[in-house]
């Protein structure tokens, strides 16, 4: 679900919308989502607010499968400078986990795996100190 090429470290972005777009790009280029999927994430975020900001500093950009989720995948993006999403309780956002799932069953499985990682305080240290995507991927594989 998470591949080395889906992990981006210390990206510089201008704002919340760019953070979402950039976090989704590896999944788009990897053939896991369509451009429509990214637009739906942004549209929904603008309409409903920053509901995808799920905990302190963490966003989970995703959209309903019918808007262009082609395969199960998750990208990990860390931002060099955190951005405000409008979620006062959890801003600023520093980590984005862009997710794609073709159906609700795989969606729930991947959410469970992510919750496991997000409840691990050491995982955030790995995200902050990783020198390469493999540093993060190796930690995740080790945890499994």
Protein backbone atom coordinates (compact mmCIF):
# COMPACT_ATOMS: atom_id res chain seq x y z
CA UNK A 1 0.00 0.00 0.00
CA UNK A 2 2.87 2.40 0.81
CA UNK A 3 5.74 2.42 -1.65
CA UNK A 4 9.01 4.30 -1.48
CA UNK A 5 7.98 6.48 -4.43
CA UNK A 6 4.81 7.54 -2.55
CA UNK A 7 6.83 9.12 0.30
CA UNK A 8 7.89 12.79 0.08
CA UNK A 9 9.97 14.56 2.71
CA UNK A 10 10.14 18.21 3.73
CA UNK A 11 8.08 19.68 0.90
CA UNK A 12 7.72 23.44 0.73
CA UNK A 13 4.15 24.50 -0.06
CA UNK A 14 2.45 27.89 -0.15
CA UNK A 15 -0.89 26.87 1.36
CA UNK A 16 -3.33 24.17 2.35
CA UNK A 17 -4.58 23.51 -1.19
CA UNK A 18 -1.06 23.08 -2.53
CA UNK A 19 -0.28 20.73 0.36
CA UNK A 20 -3.23 18.51 -0.66
CA UNK A 21 -2.30 18.59 -4.36
CA UNK A 22 1.36 17.80 -3.74
CA UNK A 23 0.57 15.01 -1.27
CA UNK A 24 -1.61 13.33 -3.92
CA UNK A 25 0.82 13.68 -6.85
CA UNK A 26 2.79 10.45 -6.22
CA UNK A 27 -0.46 8.45 -6.24
CA UNK A 28 -1.55 10.19 -9.44
CA UNK A 29 1.78 9.50 -11.18
CA UNK A 30 1.75 5.95 -9.80
CA UNK A 31 -1.61 5.24 -11.45
CA UNK A 32 -3.48 4.81 -8.15
CA UNK A 33 -5.82 7.83 -8.52
CA UNK A 34 -7.06 10.19 -11.22
CA UNK A 35 -6.79 13.97 -11.41
CA UNK A 36 -10.54 14.09 -10.68
CA UNK A 37 -9.85 12.40 -7.33
CA UNK A 38 -7.51 15.24 -6.30
CA UNK A 39 -10.05 17.87 -7.37
CA UNK A 40 -12.75 16.11 -5.32
CA UNK A 41 -10.54 16.16 -2.19
CA UNK A 42 -10.03 19.90 -2.59
CA UNK A 43 -13.68 20.60 -3.44
CA UNK A 44 -14.91 18.62 -0.44
CA UNK A 45 -12.38 20.27 1.85
CA UNK A 46 -13.57 23.70 0.68
CA UNK A 47 -17.25 22.75 1.08
CA UNK A 48 -17.14 20.84 4.36
CA UNK A 49 -14.06 22.42 5.89
CA UNK A 50 -10.88 20.64 6.94
CA UNK A 51 -12.58 17.39 8.00
CA UNK A 52 -9.56 15.47 6.71
CA UNK A 53 -7.40 16.89 9.51
CA UNK A 54 -7.85 13.94 11.85
CA UNK A 55 -5.52 14.71 14.76
CA UNK A 56 -2.83 17.18 15.82
CA UNK A 57 -0.75 18.12 12.72
CA UNK A 58 -2.11 15.20 10.64
CA UNK A 59 -4.31 15.26 7.53
CA UNK A 60 -5.71 12.31 5.63
CA UNK A 61 -6.58 13.57 2.14
CA UNK A 62 -9.02 11.19 0.45
CA UNK A 63 -12.25 11.17 -1.54
CA UNK A 64 -15.01 8.65 -2.30
CA UNK A 65 -13.78 5.84 -4.55
CA UNK A 66 -16.15 6.71 -7.40
CA UNK A 67 -14.25 9.96 -7.99
CA UNK A 68 -11.12 8.25 -9.25
CA UNK A 69 -9.67 5.82 -6.72
CA UNK A 70 -8.08 3.23 -9.01
CA UNK A 71 -6.21 1.07 -6.51
CA UNK A 72 -5.30 0.76 -2.84
CA UNK A 73 -2.43 3.07 -1.96
CA UNK A 74 -1.19 5.53 0.63
CA UNK A 75 1.29 8.33 0.28
CA UNK A 76 3.17 10.02 3.09
CA UNK A 77 4.19 13.67 2.84
CA UNK A 78 5.99 15.74 5.43
CA UNK A 79 6.04 19.52 5.13
CA UNK A 80 9.10 21.63 5.85
CA UNK A 81 6.85 24.45 7.05
CA UNK A 82 3.45 23.36 8.42
CA UNK A 83 0.33 24.98 6.91
CA UNK A 84 -2.99 26.09 8.35
CA UNK A 85 -6.00 24.09 7.21
CA UNK A 86 -8.66 25.95 9.16
CA UNK A 87 -8.96 23.18 11.76
CA UNK A 88 -8.17 25.26 14.84
CA UNK A 89 -7.84 22.26 17.16
CA UNK A 90 -5.26 20.42 15.03
CA UNK A 91 -3.44 23.10 12.99
CA UNK A 92 -0.90 23.55 11.63
CA UNK A 93 -0.69 20.45 9.45
CA UNK A 94 2.76 18.95 9.00
CA UNK A 95 2.01 15.38 7.91
CA UNK A 96 -0.31 14.30 5.08
CA UNK A 97 -1.30 10.71 4.42
CA UNK A 98 -3.05 10.72 1.05
CA UNK A 99 -5.16 7.61 0.70
CA UNK A 100 -6.89 5.76 -2.11
CA UNK A 101 -9.13 2.70 -1.72
CA UNK A 102 -11.43 1.13 -4.30
CA UNK A 103 -13.95 -0.10 -1.74
CA UNK A 104 -14.97 0.41 1.87
CA UNK A 105 -13.47 -2.88 3.11
CA UNK A 106 -9.92 -2.06 1.97
CA UNK A 107 -10.51 1.53 3.12
CA UNK A 108 -11.23 0.31 6.66
CA UNK A 109 -8.22 -2.02 6.66
CA UNK A 110 -5.86 0.74 5.59
CA UNK A 111 -7.39 3.13 8.16
CA UNK A 112 -6.74 0.57 10.90
CA UNK A 113 -3.09 0.30 9.86
CA UNK A 114 -2.74 4.08 9.80
CA UNK A 115 -4.35 4.48 13.24
CA UNK A 116 -1.77 2.02 14.54
CA UNK A 117 1.05 4.18 13.17
CA UNK A 118 -0.47 7.47 14.32
CA UNK A 119 -0.79 6.20 17.87
CA UNK A 120 2.95 5.45 17.94
CA UNK A 121 4.79 8.55 19.21
CA UNK A 122 8.09 7.25 17.86
CA UNK A 123 6.61 7.23 14.33
CA UNK A 124 6.48 11.05 14.41
CA UNK A 125 10.17 11.15 15.33
CA UNK A 126 10.88 8.94 12.33
CA UNK A 127 8.83 11.29 10.11
CA UNK A 128 10.74 14.31 11.42
CA UNK A 129 14.23 12.84 11.19
CA UNK A 130 14.02 10.65 8.07
CA UNK A 131 16.77 11.37 5.59
CA UNK A 132 15.13 9.30 2.87
CA UNK A 133 11.76 7.69 2.13
CA UNK A 134 13.32 4.30 2.92
CA UNK A 135 13.86 5.38 6.55
CA UNK A 136 10.09 5.66 6.93
CA UNK A 137 9.26 2.59 4.87
CA UNK A 138 11.68 0.40 6.82
CA UNK A 139 10.13 1.53 10.09
CA UNK A 140 6.62 0.72 8.85
CA UNK A 141 7.70 -2.73 7.60
CA UNK A 142 9.41 -3.39 10.94
CA UNK A 143 6.19 -2.43 12.81
CA UNK A 144 4.12 -4.88 10.78
